[in-house]
Amino acid sequence: MLDAWAYSILSVILVSIISLIGISTLALKDSTLRKILLYFVSFSAGALLGDAFIHLLPEAVEEAGFVIGISGAVLFGIIFSFAVEKIVHWRHCHVPVSKDHPHTFAYMNLFGDSVHNFIDGLIIGASYLASIPIGIATTLAVIFHEIPQEIGDFGVLLHGGFTKRKAIFFNFLTALTAIAGTIVALLIGSAQGANPLLLAFAAGGFIYIAATDLIPELHKNNVCEEGFSTIALSQLVFLLFGIAVMYSLLLVG
């Protein structure tokens, strides 16, 4: 139990530091950053799906059996993620801000990002309660997803009128809510029978993010006819690579 707490807190601090990555993109052109992020979005979608179906769900089923409670927790994870996006009127942004990709409501984005990071913390904490290898796999999946998200959020804040320094500070501040989420998960998960439900809930959240947020982003950016097959094939390769990375963690775990 103490190992789960130590690994969880260290992991969530590492994830929070990812929020500072936006400053590294300031020297890149929008066109260059867009190309890089699209492939990273493909990879992170694969990593999220791989973690959900290769690590989280099998562990939940092994602990509790394939019962209706596990299925319900997965559905609750999906519905809860949907409700959060609807209530907050916020969505991820994985491409840099440009004239063709405007954003407003920077403060609403900060609030939505805080909720999202809190849920990430819940997922990380629940995963480490299951086992250290599953916790590490989940932390990697979150990190892969956080990189394009945090770059997008940094751009949204700059577009909303924040100075670079203020945008970095507030983006990092919202990232710290993940620590609170991890602590809540560790406290709840200590209750008998709660952890399989938390793992299933986490899997539902990952499935929702990958299926309704990341993958549609890839389809949206395949609108040009020139180079369509090359772009689509590259995205598929990176998606499969993300899944393969999650599977490879089984071999070293």
Protein backbone atom coordinates (compact mmCIF):
# COMPACT_ATOMS: atom_id res chain seq x y z
CA MET A 1 0.00 0.00 0.00
CA LEU A 2 2.84 2.39 0.84
CA ASP A 3 4.50 1.54 -2.48
CA ALA A 4 1.26 2.41 -4.29
CA TRP A 5 1.16 5.80 -2.55
CA ALA A 6 4.82 6.57 -3.30
CA TYR A 7 4.66 5.52 -6.96
CA SER A 8 1.32 7.28 -7.49
CA ILE A 9 2.46 10.62 -6.07
CA LEU A 10 5.77 10.53 -7.98
CA SER A 11 3.97 9.61 -11.20
CA VAL A 12 1.34 12.31 -10.90
CA ILE A 13 4.02 14.93 -10.19
CA LEU A 14 5.79 13.82 -13.37
CA VAL A 15 2.53 14.11 -15.30
CA SER A 16 1.98 17.61 -13.87
CA ILE A 17 5.41 18.72 -15.07
CA ILE A 18 4.30 17.83 -18.62
CA SER A 19 2.11 20.97 -18.47
CA LEU A 20 5.29 23.03 -18.95
CA ILE A 21 5.94 21.50 -22.38
CA GLY A 22 4.12 24.31 -24.17
CA ILE A 23 7.12 26.61 -23.85
CA SER A 24 9.21 24.23 -25.97
CA THR A 25 6.94 24.73 -28.99
CA LEU A 26 7.21 28.51 -29.24
CA ALA A 27 10.07 28.33 -31.74
CA LEU A 28 8.20 25.96 -34.09
CA LYS A 29 6.07 27.05 -37.01
CA ASP A 30 2.36 26.21 -36.77
CA SER A 31 2.57 24.01 -39.88
CA THR A 32 5.48 22.02 -38.47
CA LEU A 33 3.86 21.64 -35.05
CA ARG A 34 0.58 20.56 -36.63
CA LYS A 35 2.26 17.72 -38.52
CA ILE A 36 4.14 16.51 -35.45
CA LEU A 37 1.08 16.62 -33.19
CA LEU A 38 -1.17 14.72 -35.58
CA TYR A 39 1.13 11.71 -35.43
CA PHE A 40 1.50 12.07 -31.68
CA VAL A 41 -2.29 12.17 -31.35
CA SER A 42 -2.45 8.89 -33.30
CA PHE A 43 0.12 7.34 -30.98
CA SER A 44 -1.61 8.56 -27.82
CA ALA A 45 -4.98 7.25 -29.03
CA GLY A 46 -3.41 3.82 -29.46
CA ALA A 47 -1.76 4.04 -26.05
CA LEU A 48 -5.04 4.93 -24.32
CA LEU A 49 -6.96 2.13 -26.05
CA GLY A 50 -4.13 -0.31 -25.41
CA ASP A 51 -3.97 0.54 -21.73
CA ALA A 52 -7.75 0.24 -21.36
CA PHE A 53 -8.06 -3.14 -23.09
CA ILE A 54 -4.68 -4.71 -22.29
CA HIS A 55 -4.07 -3.55 -18.70
CA LEU A 56 -7.03 -1.95 -16.93
CA LEU A 57 -9.97 -4.12 -18.00
CA PRO A 58 -8.18 -7.49 -17.69
CA GLU A 59 -7.03 -6.54 -14.18
CA ALA A 60 -10.52 -5.43 -13.17
CA VAL A 61 -12.06 -8.65 -14.51
CA GLU A 62 -9.37 -10.78 -12.83
CA GLU A 63 -10.12 -9.19 -9.45
CA ALA A 64 -13.92 -9.11 -9.62
CA GLY A 65 -14.94 -11.34 -12.52
CA PHE A 66 -16.73 -10.28 -15.68
CA VAL A 67 -19.81 -9.12 -13.80
CA ILE A 68 -22.40 -6.45 -14.54
CA GLY A 69 -20.74 -4.13 -12.02
CA ILE A 70 -17.57 -3.99 -14.15
CA SER A 71 -19.55 -3.31 -17.32
CA GLY A 72 -21.53 -0.65 -15.48
CA ALA A 73 -18.35 1.02 -14.24
CA VAL A 74 -16.97 1.17 -17.80
CA LEU A 75 -20.21 2.72 -19.02
CA PHE A 76 -20.18 5.15 -16.10
CA GLY A 77 -16.63 6.18 -17.04
CA ILE A 78 -17.77 6.92 -20.59
CA ILE A 79 -20.95 8.74 -19.54
CA PHE A 80 -19.17 10.72 -16.84
CA SER A 81 -16.53 11.90 -19.32
CA PHE A 82 -19.29 12.88 -21.75
CA ALA A 83 -21.16 14.78 -19.04
CA VAL A 84 -18.04 16.66 -17.95
CA GLU A 85 -17.45 17.88 -21.50
CA LYS A 86 -21.09 18.90 -21.93
CA ILE A 87 -21.36 20.72 -18.61
CA VAL A 88 -18.07 22.54 -18.95
CA HIS A 89 -18.53 23.27 -22.68
CA TRP A 90 -14.94 22.34 -23.24
CA ARG A 91 -13.05 20.03 -25.52
CA HIS A 92 -9.43 19.08 -25.99
CA CYS A 93 -7.37 20.97 -28.50
CA HIS A 94 -4.51 19.02 -30.01
CA VAL A 95 -3.45 21.41 -32.74
CA PRO A 96 -1.88 24.85 -32.37
CA VAL A 97 -3.93 28.01 -32.51
CA SER A 98 -4.17 29.72 -35.89
CA LYS A 99 -6.53 32.03 -37.75
CA ASP A 100 -8.43 28.96 -38.93
CA HIS A 101 -8.55 27.40 -35.46
CA PRO A 102 -9.79 30.14 -33.09
CA HIS A 103 -10.40 29.67 -29.38
CA THR A 104 -12.06 31.75 -26.69
CA PHE A 105 -13.13 31.21 -23.06
CA ALA A 106 -9.60 30.68 -21.78
CA TYR A 107 -10.77 30.59 -18.17
CA MET A 108 -13.39 27.97 -19.02
CA ASN A 109 -10.60 25.94 -20.57
CA LEU A 110 -8.63 26.18 -17.32
CA PHE A 111 -11.61 24.90 -15.34
CA GLY A 112 -12.19 22.04 -17.76
CA ASP A 113 -8.51 21.16 -17.73
CA SER A 114 -8.57 21.04 -13.92
CA VAL A 115 -11.46 18.53 -14.00
CA HIS A 116 -9.71 16.44 -16.63
CA ASN A 117 -6.45 16.36 -14.69
CA PHE A 118 -8.32 15.38 -11.52
CA ILE A 119 -9.75 12.39 -13.40
CA ASP A 120 -6.25 11.52 -14.68
CA GLY A 121 -5.13 11.46 -11.05
CA LEU A 122 -8.00 9.12 -10.15
CA ILE A 123 -6.96 6.77 -12.95
CA ILE A 124 -3.29 6.75 -11.97
CA GLY A 125 -4.04 6.12 -8.30
CA ALA A 126 -6.44 3.27 -9.07
CA SER A 127 -3.93 1.67 -11.42
CA TYR A 128 -1.13 1.61 -8.87
CA LEU A 129 -3.47 0.02 -6.33
CA ALA A 130 -3.88 -2.85 -8.80
CA SER A 131 -0.13 -3.31 -9.36
CA ILE A 132 3.02 -1.32 -9.97
CA PRO A 133 3.39 -2.46 -13.64
CA ILE A 134 -0.21 -1.47 -14.42
CA GLY A 135 0.36 1.86 -12.71
CA ILE A 136 3.46 2.51 -14.82
CA ALA A 137 1.61 1.56 -18.03
CA THR A 138 -1.25 3.90 -17.15
CA THR A 139 1.12 6.73 -16.26
CA LEU A 140 2.79 6.38 -19.66
CA ALA A 141 -0.60 6.39 -21.41
CA VAL A 142 -1.57 9.57 -19.55
CA ILE A 143 1.76 11.22 -20.41
CA PHE A 144 1.39 10.35 -24.11
CA HIS A 145 -2.04 11.96 -24.06
CA GLU A 146 -1.02 14.96 -21.97
CA ILE A 147 1.72 16.15 -24.33
CA PRO A 148 -0.56 17.16 -27.25
CA GLN A 149 -3.29 18.28 -24.84
CA GLU A 150 -1.01 20.57 -22.84
CA ILE A 151 0.50 22.10 -25.98
CA GLY A 152 -3.03 22.85 -27.17
CA ASP A 153 -4.08 24.27 -23.80
CA PHE A 154 -1.00 26.51 -23.75
CA GLY A 155 -1.99 27.85 -27.16
CA VAL A 156 -5.57 28.45 -26.02
CA LEU A 157 -4.40 30.55 -23.07
CA LEU A 158 -2.08 32.62 -25.27
CA HIS A 159 -4.91 33.17 -27.73
CA GLY A 160 -7.19 34.15 -24.86
CA GLY A 161 -4.93 37.05 -23.90
CA PHE A 162 -2.65 35.45 -21.30
CA THR A 163 1.02 36.40 -21.28
CA LYS A 164 3.44 33.51 -21.83
CA ARG A 165 4.51 33.57 -18.18
CA LYS A 166 0.90 33.68 -16.94
CA ALA A 167 -0.14 30.90 -19.31
CA ILE A 168 2.69 28.65 -18.09
CA PHE A 169 1.82 29.32 -14.45
CA PHE A 170 -1.93 28.69 -14.74
CA ASN A 171 -1.46 25.64 -16.96
CA PHE A 172 0.85 24.15 -14.33
CA LEU A 173 -1.56 25.11 -11.53
CA THR A 174 -4.44 23.21 -13.15
CA ALA A 175 -2.14 20.21 -13.67
CA LEU A 176 -1.68 19.93 -9.90
CA THR A 177 -5.34 18.92 -9.48
CA ALA A 178 -4.17 15.48 -10.63
CA ILE A 179 -2.48 15.07 -7.25
CA ALA A 180 -5.82 15.57 -5.50
CA GLY A 181 -7.40 13.00 -7.82
CA THR A 182 -4.69 10.47 -7.01
CA ILE A 183 -5.14 10.93 -3.26
CA VAL A 184 -8.92 10.47 -3.58
CA ALA A 185 -8.44 7.28 -5.62
CA LEU A 186 -5.97 5.85 -3.11
CA LEU A 187 -8.36 6.56 -0.23
CA ILE A 188 -11.40 5.14 -2.03
CA GLY A 189 -9.45 2.19 -3.42
CA SER A 190 -8.51 1.06 0.08
CA ALA A 191 -12.16 0.08 0.58
CA GLN A 192 -12.76 -3.59 -0.13
CA GLY A 193 -13.97 -4.27 -3.66
CA ALA A 194 -13.65 -0.65 -4.82
CA ASN A 195 -10.49 -0.91 -6.91
CA PRO A 196 -11.85 -3.13 -9.75
CA LEU A 197 -14.65 -0.61 -10.21
CA LEU A 198 -12.16 2.26 -10.28
CA LEU A 199 -10.08 0.42 -12.90
CA ALA A 200 -13.17 -0.19 -15.05
CA PHE A 201 -14.17 3.47 -14.64
CA ALA A 202 -10.65 4.48 -15.73
CA ALA A 203 -10.87 2.22 -18.78
CA GLY A 204 -14.18 3.84 -19.74
CA GLY A 205 -12.62 7.29 -19.48
CA PHE A 206 -9.67 6.28 -21.67
CA ILE A 207 -11.97 4.70 -24.26
CA TYR A 208 -14.07 7.87 -24.37
CA ILE A 209 -11.05 10.17 -24.82
CA ALA A 210 -9.55 8.03 -27.58
CA ALA A 211 -12.78 7.31 -29.45
CA THR A 212 -14.58 10.66 -29.26
CA ASP A 213 -11.73 13.14 -29.00
CA LEU A 214 -8.48 11.90 -30.49
CA ILE A 215 -9.62 9.72 -33.39
CA PRO A 216 -12.14 12.32 -34.71
CA GLU A 217 -9.28 14.84 -34.65
CA LEU A 218 -7.38 12.56 -37.02
CA HIS A 219 -10.34 12.21 -39.39
CA LYS A 220 -10.82 15.97 -39.39
CA ASN A 221 -7.27 16.51 -40.56
CA ASN A 222 -7.56 14.07 -43.47
CA VAL A 223 -9.72 16.42 -45.53
CA CYS A 224 -7.12 17.19 -48.21
CA GLU A 225 -6.96 14.81 -51.16
CA GLU A 226 -3.25 15.24 -51.82
CA GLY A 227 -1.26 12.82 -49.74
CA PHE A 228 -4.42 11.39 -48.17
CA SER A 229 -3.32 7.75 -48.35
CA THR A 230 0.13 8.52 -46.96
CA ILE A 231 -1.26 10.56 -44.06
CA ALA A 232 -3.94 7.98 -43.23
CA LEU A 233 -1.47 5.09 -43.36
CA SER A 234 1.00 6.96 -41.14
CA GLN A 235 -1.71 7.69 -38.59
CA LEU A 236 -2.73 4.02 -38.57
CA VAL A 237 0.89 2.95 -38.05
CA PHE A 238 1.31 5.32 -35.10
CA LEU A 239 -2.04 4.17 -33.64
CA LEU A 240 -0.90 0.55 -33.80
CA PHE A 241 2.47 1.53 -32.39
CA GLY A 242 0.78 3.05 -29.34
CA ILE A 243 -1.11 -0.20 -28.77
CA ALA A 244 2.10 -2.20 -29.28
CA VAL A 245 3.92 -0.17 -26.64
CA MET A 246 1.19 -0.96 -24.11
CA TYR A 247 1.35 -4.65 -25.02
CA SER A 248 5.15 -4.70 -24.75
CA LEU A 249 4.84 -3.58 -21.12
CA LEU A 250 3.23 -6.97 -20.40
CA LEU A 251 6.42 -8.65 -21.52
CA VAL A 252 8.66 -6.63 -19.20
CA GLY A 253 6.19 -6.42 -16.29
